[in-house]
Amino acid sequence: MSKHIRVMLAALLIVTGVLVLLPSGYVGAGGCVVNQSFEQGEGGVPNGWNLTGSAMRVDTGPIYVGNWTALITGNNDTFTQWLYIGNSTLPMPVTYDVWGWIYVSGNVTGVVSFDFWAGLNGTQVSATTELSKNDTNGAYVQVASTLMAPVGATRLRIRLLGTGWSEGAEVRFDEIGAFPPIGGYCFIATAAYGTETAAELDTLRDFRDQVLLKSALGSLFVDTYYAVSPPMADFIAKNDFLRAVVREVFLDPVVDLLQWSQRLWRT
């Protein structure tokens, strides 16, 4: 194998490890919440979620990304995830974009709820925001909003549930996401460049959206790195020397390679 090919393969491996940490215009698979499409997990339980009642993960055929969806059929059914968002030291609240896709059948209301918590004892530090839908006429419908994370918030709690149940009704959920602004703690590459608007990030995002998110393996990397990235990005953002190393040693060479080979991977 030639030296040129080895260099390209190594660079692409690095890309796989860092691009998935970038904010995305691809709403369905962006954000920080793990397993947005519920494709990973054992049996009926997706990775990263706690289930109560009869809540389960079911294979309903192709939906948005993959085949699996979260299913609830009664008042006691819930999916819950506690997302680590970092130990915020910012002097002001931080705004998050949040969303979810809901399928509702019958006389019931599907709800995605969000609230922020802080401290080891689990103190709720924000009001609960609920995104809801009634009968969606046989389709998945997206609900979205913005949330304000108070100073000191360390976790975002996401719950999937339903209210006003009647016999035979059901609610399904897919593609749950949360997206921080500039200065958020989720994305290593953004932390390294210090801004979400750096031109290099456009190249990285483009490769991720055009290549990684169009394959099952690439999507799996995306979900995995969204799960583990927050504490690493938080640490990098606070260390100017480390930010420079990540940017100049890892990211800049990858960006140069992608820009040089753009005609190949965009075709």
C-alpha atoms as a PDB file:
ATOM      1  CA  MET A   1       0.000   0.000   0.000  1.00  0.00           C
ATOM      2  CA  SER A   2       1.482   3.344  -1.015  1.00  0.00           C
ATOM      3  CA  LYS A   3       2.313   6.038   1.490  1.00  0.00           C
ATOM      4  CA  HIS A   4      -0.293   8.315  -0.110  1.00  0.00           C
ATOM      5  CA  ILE A   5      -3.105   5.793   0.408  1.00  0.00           C
ATOM      6  CA  ARG A   6      -2.032   5.117   3.998  1.00  0.00           C
ATOM      7  CA  VAL A   7      -2.118   8.824   4.757  1.00  0.00           C
ATOM      8  CA  MET A   8      -5.601   9.141   3.262  1.00  0.00           C
ATOM      9  CA  LEU A   9      -6.945   6.190   5.243  1.00  0.00           C
ATOM     10  CA  ALA A  10      -5.484   7.517   8.484  1.00  0.00           C
ATOM     11  CA  ALA A  11      -6.982  10.922   7.824  1.00  0.00           C
ATOM     12  CA  LEU A  12     -10.391   9.443   7.110  1.00  0.00           C
ATOM     13  CA  LEU A  13     -10.257   7.526  10.399  1.00  0.00           C
ATOM     14  CA  ILE A  14      -9.569  10.794  12.178  1.00  0.00           C
ATOM     15  CA  VAL A  15     -12.468  12.384  10.314  1.00  0.00           C
ATOM     16  CA  THR A  16     -14.758   9.612  11.509  1.00  0.00           C
ATOM     17  CA  GLY A  17     -13.673  10.348  15.060  1.00  0.00           C
ATOM     18  CA  VAL A  18     -14.206  14.100  14.992  1.00  0.00           C
ATOM     19  CA  LEU A  19     -16.858  15.010  12.431  1.00  0.00           C
ATOM     20  CA  VAL A  20     -19.591  13.333  14.368  1.00  0.00           C
ATOM     21  CA  LEU A  21     -19.025  15.844  17.142  1.00  0.00           C
ATOM     22  CA  LEU A  22     -20.116  18.793  15.025  1.00  0.00           C
ATOM     23  CA  PRO A  23     -23.498  20.509  15.134  1.00  0.00           C
ATOM     24  CA  SER A  24     -25.597  19.496  12.168  1.00  0.00           C
ATOM     25  CA  GLY A  25     -28.211  20.941   9.887  1.00  0.00           C
ATOM     26  CA  TYR A  26     -29.446  17.351   9.624  1.00  0.00           C
ATOM     27  CA  VAL A  27     -32.020  17.660  12.372  1.00  0.00           C
ATOM     28  CA  GLY A  28     -32.899  14.008  12.607  1.00  0.00           C
ATOM     29  CA  ALA A  29     -29.420  12.822  13.577  1.00  0.00           C
ATOM     30  CA  GLY A  30     -27.909  15.945  15.047  1.00  0.00           C
ATOM     31  CA  GLY A  31     -27.651  17.137  18.607  1.00  0.00           C
ATOM     32  CA  CYS A  32     -26.323  15.485  21.715  1.00  0.00           C
ATOM     33  CA  VAL A  33     -28.943  12.935  22.657  1.00  0.00           C
ATOM     34  CA  VAL A  34     -27.798   9.366  22.098  1.00  0.00           C
ATOM     35  CA  ASN A  35     -29.718   6.840  19.996  1.00  0.00           C
ATOM     36  CA  GLN A  36     -32.036   9.334  18.383  1.00  0.00           C
ATOM     37  CA  SER A  37     -33.345   6.605  16.089  1.00  0.00           C
ATOM     38  CA  PHE A  38     -33.285   3.891  18.802  1.00  0.00           C
ATOM     39  CA  GLU A  39     -31.194   1.599  16.598  1.00  0.00           C
ATOM     40  CA  GLN A  40     -28.840   0.462  19.362  1.00  0.00           C
ATOM     41  CA  GLY A  41     -29.669  -1.662  22.391  1.00  0.00           C
ATOM     42  CA  GLU A  42     -30.597  -5.123  23.578  1.00  0.00           C
ATOM     43  CA  GLY A  43     -34.071  -6.578  23.229  1.00  0.00           C
ATOM     44  CA  GLY A  44     -36.681  -3.900  23.653  1.00  0.00           C
ATOM     45  CA  VAL A  45     -34.450  -1.432  25.519  1.00  0.00           C
ATOM     46  CA  PRO A  46     -32.443   1.177  23.527  1.00  0.00           C
ATOM     47  CA  ASN A  47     -29.048   2.240  24.862  1.00  0.00           C
ATOM     48  CA  GLY A  48     -29.092   5.253  27.167  1.00  0.00           C
ATOM     49  CA  TRP A  49     -32.810   5.163  28.031  1.00  0.00           C
ATOM     50  CA  ASN A  50     -34.628   3.969  31.163  1.00  0.00           C
ATOM     51  CA  LEU A  51     -38.053   2.401  30.560  1.00  0.00           C
ATOM     52  CA  THR A  52     -41.037   2.114  32.899  1.00  0.00           C
ATOM     53  CA  GLY A  53     -44.383   0.353  32.583  1.00  0.00           C
ATOM     54  CA  SER A  54     -44.872  -1.425  29.257  1.00  0.00           C
ATOM     55  CA  ALA A  55     -42.710   0.993  27.271  1.00  0.00           C
ATOM     56  CA  MET A  56     -40.548  -0.793  24.725  1.00  0.00           C
ATOM     57  CA  ARG A  57     -38.460  -0.408  21.603  1.00  0.00           C
ATOM     58  CA  VAL A  58     -40.106  -2.035  18.592  1.00  0.00           C
ATOM     59  CA  ASP A  59     -39.208  -2.708  14.954  1.00  0.00           C
ATOM     60  CA  THR A  60     -41.891  -1.055  12.832  1.00  0.00           C
ATOM     61  CA  GLY A  61     -40.053  -1.063   9.498  1.00  0.00           C
ATOM     62  CA  PRO A  62     -38.281   1.917   7.864  1.00  0.00           C
ATOM     63  CA  ILE A  63     -39.135   5.200   9.581  1.00  0.00           C
ATOM     64  CA  TYR A  64     -36.645   8.063   9.323  1.00  0.00           C
ATOM     65  CA  VAL A  65     -33.277   6.530  10.126  1.00  0.00           C
ATOM     66  CA  GLY A  66     -33.465   2.777  10.670  1.00  0.00           C
ATOM     67  CA  ASN A  67     -36.473   0.663  11.668  1.00  0.00           C
ATOM     68  CA  TRP A  68     -36.740   0.992  15.442  1.00  0.00           C
ATOM     69  CA  THR A  69     -39.033   3.312  17.360  1.00  0.00           C
ATOM     70  CA  ALA A  70     -40.059   3.937  20.975  1.00  0.00           C
ATOM     71  CA  LEU A  71     -43.574   2.657  21.735  1.00  0.00           C
ATOM     72  CA  ILE A  72     -45.844   3.473  24.683  1.00  0.00           C
ATOM     73  CA  THR A  73     -49.425   2.296  25.166  1.00  0.00           C
ATOM     74  CA  GLY A  74     -50.508   3.534  28.605  1.00  0.00           C
ATOM     75  CA  ASN A  75     -50.274   6.166  31.350  1.00  0.00           C
ATOM     76  CA  ASN A  76     -47.476   4.347  33.203  1.00  0.00           C
ATOM     77  CA  ASP A  77     -45.224   4.007  30.158  1.00  0.00           C
ATOM     78  CA  THR A  78     -42.208   6.338  29.930  1.00  0.00           C
ATOM     79  CA  PHE A  79     -38.788   6.538  28.298  1.00  0.00           C
ATOM     80  CA  THR A  80     -36.313   8.655  30.297  1.00  0.00           C
ATOM     81  CA  GLN A  81     -32.800   9.832  29.463  1.00  0.00           C
ATOM     82  CA  TRP A  82     -30.436  11.957  31.582  1.00  0.00           C
ATOM     83  CA  LEU A  83     -28.121  13.869  29.249  1.00  0.00           C
ATOM     84  CA  TYR A  84     -24.894  15.246  30.729  1.00  0.00           C
ATOM     85  CA  ILE A  85     -24.393  18.811  29.448  1.00  0.00           C
ATOM     86  CA  GLY A  86     -21.294  19.796  31.466  1.00  0.00           C
ATOM     87  CA  ASN A  87     -20.652  21.859  34.560  1.00  0.00           C
ATOM     88  CA  SER A  88     -21.592  25.265  33.235  1.00  0.00           C
ATOM     89  CA  THR A  89     -19.622  28.227  34.537  1.00  0.00           C
ATOM     90  CA  LEU A  90     -21.090  30.723  32.091  1.00  0.00           C
ATOM     91  CA  PRO A  91     -22.423  33.917  33.720  1.00  0.00           C
ATOM     92  CA  MET A  92     -25.702  33.667  31.813  1.00  0.00           C
ATOM     93  CA  PRO A  93     -28.235  30.998  30.778  1.00  0.00           C
ATOM     94  CA  VAL A  94     -27.581  28.905  27.655  1.00  0.00           C
ATOM     95  CA  THR A  95     -30.202  28.306  24.953  1.00  0.00           C
ATOM     96  CA  TYR A  96     -30.780  24.842  23.461  1.00  0.00           C
ATOM     97  CA  ASP A  97     -32.784  23.790  20.425  1.00  0.00           C
ATOM     98  CA  VAL A  98     -34.755  20.585  21.154  1.00  0.00           C
ATOM     99  CA  TRP A  99     -36.969  18.384  19.001  1.00  0.00           C
ATOM    100  CA  GLY A 100     -38.589  15.011  18.534  1.00  0.00           C
ATOM    101  CA  TRP A 101     -40.724  13.086  16.039  1.00  0.00           C
ATOM    102  CA  ILE A 102     -44.090  11.792  17.304  1.00  0.00           C
ATOM    103  CA  TYR A 103     -46.615   9.338  15.874  1.00  0.00           C
ATOM    104  CA  VAL A 104     -50.005   9.361  17.634  1.00  0.00           C
ATOM    105  CA  SER A 105     -52.898   6.975  16.976  1.00  0.00           C
ATOM    106  CA  GLY A 106     -56.226   7.222  18.814  1.00  0.00           C
ATOM    107  CA  ASN A 107     -57.467   9.531  21.528  1.00  0.00           C
ATOM    108  CA  VAL A 108     -54.194  10.315  23.292  1.00  0.00           C
ATOM    109  CA  THR A 109     -51.554  13.059  23.369  1.00  0.00           C
ATOM    110  CA  GLY A 110     -47.888  12.197  22.782  1.00  0.00           C
ATOM    111  CA  VAL A 111     -45.457  14.271  24.844  1.00  0.00           C
ATOM    112  CA  VAL A 112     -41.689  14.896  24.762  1.00  0.00           C
ATOM    113  CA  SER A 113     -40.736  16.750  27.953  1.00  0.00           C
ATOM    114  CA  PHE A 114     -37.477  18.512  28.837  1.00  0.00           C
ATOM    115  CA  ASP A 115     -36.160  19.995  32.093  1.00  0.00           C
ATOM    116  CA  PHE A 116     -32.739  20.917  33.493  1.00  0.00           C
ATOM    117  CA  TRP A 117     -31.235  19.564  36.725  1.00  0.00           C
ATOM    118  CA  ALA A 118     -28.139  20.336  38.808  1.00  0.00           C
ATOM    119  CA  GLY A 119     -26.145  18.831  41.632  1.00  0.00           C
ATOM    120  CA  LEU A 120     -25.502  15.313  42.857  1.00  0.00           C
ATOM    121  CA  ASN A 121     -28.828  15.267  44.685  1.00  0.00           C
ATOM    122  CA  GLY A 122     -30.765  15.918  41.497  1.00  0.00           C
ATOM    123  CA  THR A 123     -32.286  19.360  42.001  1.00  0.00           C
ATOM    124  CA  GLN A 124     -34.554  20.534  39.185  1.00  0.00           C
ATOM    125  CA  VAL A 125     -33.490  24.056  38.170  1.00  0.00           C
ATOM    126  CA  SER A 126     -35.913  24.833  35.341  1.00  0.00           C
ATOM    127  CA  ALA A 127     -39.577  24.533  34.524  1.00  0.00           C
ATOM    128  CA  THR A 128     -40.606  21.516  32.447  1.00  0.00           C
ATOM    129  CA  THR A 129     -41.183  22.185  28.740  1.00  0.00           C
ATOM    130  CA  GLU A 130     -43.566  19.816  26.937  1.00  0.00           C
ATOM    131  CA  LEU A 131     -43.744  19.336  23.166  1.00  0.00           C
ATOM    132  CA  SER A 132     -46.936  17.497  22.258  1.00  0.00           C
ATOM    133  CA  LYS A 133     -49.073  16.189  19.405  1.00  0.00           C
ATOM    134  CA  ASN A 134     -52.520  14.621  19.098  1.00  0.00           C
ATOM    135  CA  ASP A 135     -53.588  12.263  16.282  1.00  0.00           C
ATOM    136  CA  THR A 136     -50.952  12.612  13.532  1.00  0.00           C
ATOM    137  CA  ASN A 137     -53.021  10.881  10.828  1.00  0.00           C
ATOM    138  CA  GLY A 138     -50.666   7.954  10.273  1.00  0.00           C
ATOM    139  CA  ALA A 139     -47.418   9.954  10.013  1.00  0.00           C
ATOM    140  CA  TYR A 140     -44.502  11.018  12.186  1.00  0.00           C
ATOM    141  CA  VAL A 141     -44.689  14.747  12.900  1.00  0.00           C
ATOM    142  CA  GLN A 142     -41.806  16.820  14.244  1.00  0.00           C
ATOM    143  CA  VAL A 143     -42.191  19.030  17.309  1.00  0.00           C
ATOM    144  CA  ALA A 144     -39.471  21.530  18.242  1.00  0.00           C
ATOM    145  CA  SER A 145     -38.737  24.405  20.596  1.00  0.00           C
ATOM    146  CA  THR A 146     -35.940  26.233  22.421  1.00  0.00           C
ATOM    147  CA  LEU A 147     -34.999  25.847  26.087  1.00  0.00           C
ATOM    148  CA  MET A 148     -33.024  28.049  28.454  1.00  0.00           C
ATOM    149  CA  ALA A 149     -30.517  26.125  30.586  1.00  0.00           C
ATOM    150  CA  PRO A 150     -29.965  28.004  33.863  1.00  0.00           C
ATOM    151  CA  VAL A 151     -26.463  28.675  35.137  1.00  0.00           C
ATOM    152  CA  GLY A 152     -25.320  25.636  37.100  1.00  0.00           C
ATOM    153  CA  ALA A 153     -27.404  23.097  35.177  1.00  0.00           C
ATOM    154  CA  THR A 154     -25.475  19.868  34.622  1.00  0.00           C
ATOM    155  CA  ARG A 155     -28.059  17.529  33.116  1.00  0.00           C
ATOM    156  CA  LEU A 156     -30.997  17.663  30.742  1.00  0.00           C
ATOM    157  CA  ARG A 157     -33.774  15.182  31.488  1.00  0.00           C
ATOM    158  CA  ILE A 158     -35.773  13.982  28.472  1.00  0.00           C
ATOM    159  CA  ARG A 159     -38.987  12.006  28.944  1.00  0.00           C
ATOM    160  CA  LEU A 160     -41.271  10.393  26.358  1.00  0.00           C
ATOM    161  CA  LEU A 161     -44.827   9.788  27.556  1.00  0.00           C
ATOM    162  CA  GLY A 162     -48.513  10.166  26.768  1.00  0.00           C
ATOM    163  CA  THR A 163     -51.590  11.693  28.434  1.00  0.00           C
ATOM    164  CA  GLY A 164     -55.351  11.234  28.105  1.00  0.00           C
ATOM    165  CA  TRP A 165     -55.251   7.560  27.198  1.00  0.00           C
ATOM    166  CA  SER A 166     -58.116   5.604  25.670  1.00  0.00           C
ATOM    167  CA  GLU A 167     -58.345   1.928  24.738  1.00  0.00           C
ATOM    168  CA  GLY A 168     -56.392   1.007  21.614  1.00  0.00           C
ATOM    169  CA  ALA A 169     -54.371   4.231  21.449  1.00  0.00           C
ATOM    170  CA  GLU A 170     -50.597   4.262  21.043  1.00  0.00           C
ATOM    171  CA  VAL A 171     -47.722   6.730  20.748  1.00  0.00           C
ATOM    172  CA  ARG A 172     -44.367   6.207  19.055  1.00  0.00           C
ATOM    173  CA  PHE A 173     -41.291   8.428  19.193  1.00  0.00           C
ATOM    174  CA  ASP A 174     -38.200   8.685  16.993  1.00  0.00           C
ATOM    175  CA  GLU A 175     -35.216  10.994  16.433  1.00  0.00           C
ATOM    176  CA  ILE A 176     -35.090  12.883  19.736  1.00  0.00           C
ATOM    177  CA  GLY A 177     -32.450  15.643  19.736  1.00  0.00           C
ATOM    178  CA  ALA A 178     -30.939  18.535  21.680  1.00  0.00           C
ATOM    179  CA  PHE A 179     -28.587  21.079  20.141  1.00  0.00           C
ATOM    180  CA  PRO A 180     -26.470  23.667  22.019  1.00  0.00           C
ATOM    181  CA  PRO A 181     -25.411  27.045  20.610  1.00  0.00           C
ATOM    182  CA  ILE A 182     -21.906  28.405  20.112  1.00  0.00           C
ATOM    183  CA  GLY A 183     -20.026  27.731  23.321  1.00  0.00           C
ATOM    184  CA  GLY A 184     -22.001  24.600  24.107  1.00  0.00           C
ATOM    185  CA  TYR A 185     -20.249  21.577  25.556  1.00  0.00           C
ATOM    186  CA  CYS A 186     -21.134  18.864  23.058  1.00  0.00           C
ATOM    187  CA  PHE A 187     -18.796  19.220  20.111  1.00  0.00           C
ATOM    188  CA  ILE A 188     -15.021  18.830  20.135  1.00  0.00           C
ATOM    189  CA  ALA A 189     -14.304  20.406  16.738  1.00  0.00           C
ATOM    190  CA  THR A 190     -16.366  23.499  17.544  1.00  0.00           C
ATOM    191  CA  ALA A 191     -14.543  23.829  20.869  1.00  0.00           C
ATOM    192  CA  ALA A 192     -11.180  23.534  19.092  1.00  0.00           C
ATOM    193  CA  TYR A 193     -11.941  26.322  16.596  1.00  0.00           C
ATOM    194  CA  GLY A 194     -13.677  28.461  19.200  1.00  0.00           C
ATOM    195  CA  THR A 195     -16.595  29.344  16.927  1.00  0.00           C
ATOM    196  CA  GLU A 196     -19.352  27.562  15.048  1.00  0.00           C
ATOM    197  CA  THR A 197     -18.834  29.739  11.968  1.00  0.00           C
ATOM    198  CA  ALA A 198     -15.242  28.746  11.104  1.00  0.00           C
ATOM    199  CA  ALA A 199     -14.902  27.920   7.395  1.00  0.00           C
ATOM    200  CA  GLU A 200     -13.156  24.639   8.275  1.00  0.00           C
ATOM    201  CA  LEU A 201     -16.291  23.433  10.032  1.00  0.00           C
ATOM    202  CA  ASP A 202     -18.305  23.828   6.850  1.00  0.00           C
ATOM    203  CA  THR A 203     -16.009  21.359   5.090  1.00  0.00           C
ATOM    204  CA  LEU A 204     -16.199  18.892   7.968  1.00  0.00           C
ATOM    205  CA  ARG A 205     -19.979  19.135   8.209  1.00  0.00           C
ATOM    206  CA  ASP A 206     -20.296  18.654   4.472  1.00  0.00           C
ATOM    207  CA  PHE A 207     -18.294  15.413   4.543  1.00  0.00           C
ATOM    208  CA  ARG A 208     -20.260  14.154   7.521  1.00  0.00           C
ATOM    209  CA  ASP A 209     -23.630  14.879   5.899  1.00  0.00           C
ATOM    210  CA  GLN A 210     -22.625  13.705   2.397  1.00  0.00           C
ATOM    211  CA  VAL A 211     -20.754  10.540   3.462  1.00  0.00           C
ATOM    212  CA  LEU A 212     -21.054   9.450   7.094  1.00  0.00           C
ATOM    213  CA  LEU A 213     -24.777   9.971   7.590  1.00  0.00           C
ATOM    214  CA  LYS A 214     -25.606   8.102   4.396  1.00  0.00           C
ATOM    215  CA  SER A 215     -24.357   4.765   5.718  1.00  0.00           C
ATOM    216  CA  ALA A 216     -25.388   2.586   8.658  1.00  0.00           C
ATOM    217  CA  LEU A 217     -21.813   2.480   9.999  1.00  0.00           C
ATOM    218  CA  GLY A 218     -21.396   6.248   9.724  1.00  0.00           C
ATOM    219  CA  SER A 219     -24.691   6.851  11.503  1.00  0.00           C
ATOM    220  CA  LEU A 220     -23.617   4.456  14.247  1.00  0.00           C
ATOM    221  CA  PHE A 221     -20.436   6.511  14.773  1.00  0.00           C
ATOM    222  CA  VAL A 222     -22.542   9.666  14.919  1.00  0.00           C
ATOM    223  CA  ASP A 223     -24.774   8.326  17.676  1.00  0.00           C
ATOM    224  CA  THR A 224     -21.839   6.891  19.647  1.00  0.00           C
ATOM    225  CA  TYR A 225     -19.778  10.075  19.626  1.00  0.00           C
ATOM    226  CA  TYR A 226     -22.752  12.245  20.533  1.00  0.00           C
ATOM    227  CA  ALA A 227     -23.030  10.095  23.636  1.00  0.00           C
ATOM    228  CA  VAL A 228     -19.402  10.451  24.799  1.00  0.00           C
ATOM    229  CA  SER A 229     -18.400  13.918  23.567  1.00  0.00           C
ATOM    230  CA  PRO A 230     -19.772  16.423  26.136  1.00  0.00           C
ATOM    231  CA  PRO A 231     -17.128  16.057  28.895  1.00  0.00           C
ATOM    232  CA  MET A 232     -14.260  15.966  26.368  1.00  0.00           C
ATOM    233  CA  ALA A 233     -15.458  19.081  24.562  1.00  0.00           C
ATOM    234  CA  ASP A 234     -15.969  20.835  27.903  1.00  0.00           C
ATOM    235  CA  PHE A 235     -12.366  20.072  28.899  1.00  0.00           C
ATOM    236  CA  ILE A 236     -10.884  21.136  25.536  1.00  0.00           C
ATOM    237  CA  ALA A 237     -12.797  24.425  25.482  1.00  0.00           C
ATOM    238  CA  LYS A 238     -11.185  25.490  28.773  1.00  0.00           C
ATOM    239  CA  ASN A 239      -7.576  24.785  27.711  1.00  0.00           C
ATOM    240  CA  ASP A 240      -6.125  27.086  25.020  1.00  0.00           C
ATOM    241  CA  PHE A 241      -3.041  24.894  24.478  1.00  0.00           C
ATOM    242  CA  LEU A 242      -5.121  21.740  24.018  1.00  0.00           C
ATOM    243  CA  ARG A 243      -7.491  23.558  21.679  1.00  0.00           C
ATOM    244  CA  ALA A 244      -4.513  24.551  19.517  1.00  0.00           C
ATOM    245  CA  VAL A 245      -3.138  20.984  19.466  1.00  0.00           C
ATOM    246  CA  VAL A 246      -6.481  19.459  18.458  1.00  0.00           C
ATOM    247  CA  ARG A 247      -7.007  22.136  15.827  1.00  0.00           C
ATOM    248  CA  GLU A 248      -3.526  22.208  14.247  1.00  0.00           C
ATOM    249  CA  VAL A 249      -2.423  18.579  14.626  1.00  0.00           C
ATOM    250  CA  PHE A 250      -5.684  16.753  13.949  1.00  0.00           C
ATOM    251  CA  LEU A 251      -8.338  18.956  12.377  1.00  0.00           C
ATOM    252  CA  ASP A 252      -6.449  21.225   9.965  1.00  0.00           C
ATOM    253  CA  PRO A 253      -4.719  18.342   8.084  1.00  0.00           C
ATOM    254  CA  VAL A 254      -8.051  16.545   7.744  1.00  0.00           C
ATOM    255  CA  VAL A 255      -9.720  19.680   6.389  1.00  0.00           C
ATOM    256  CA  ASP A 256      -6.915  20.147   3.864  1.00  0.00           C
ATOM    257  CA  LEU A 257      -7.284  16.544   2.685  1.00  0.00           C
ATOM    258  CA  LEU A 258     -11.056  16.801   2.370  1.00  0.00           C
ATOM    259  CA  GLN A 259     -10.867  20.020   0.425  1.00  0.00           C
ATOM    260  CA  TRP A 260      -8.317  18.455  -1.930  1.00  0.00           C
ATOM    261  CA  SER A 261     -10.442  15.313  -2.462  1.00  0.00           C
ATOM    262  CA  GLN A 262     -13.859  16.979  -2.443  1.00  0.00           C
ATOM    263  CA  ARG A 263     -14.644  16.047  -6.046  1.00  0.00           C
ATOM    264  CA  LEU A 264     -14.214  12.363  -5.178  1.00  0.00           C
ATOM    265  CA  TRP A 265     -16.442  12.058  -2.101  1.00  0.00           C
ATOM    266  CA  ARG A 266     -19.144  14.423  -3.322  1.00  0.00           C
ATOM    267  CA  THR A 267     -19.786  12.374  -6.490  1.00  0.00           C
END
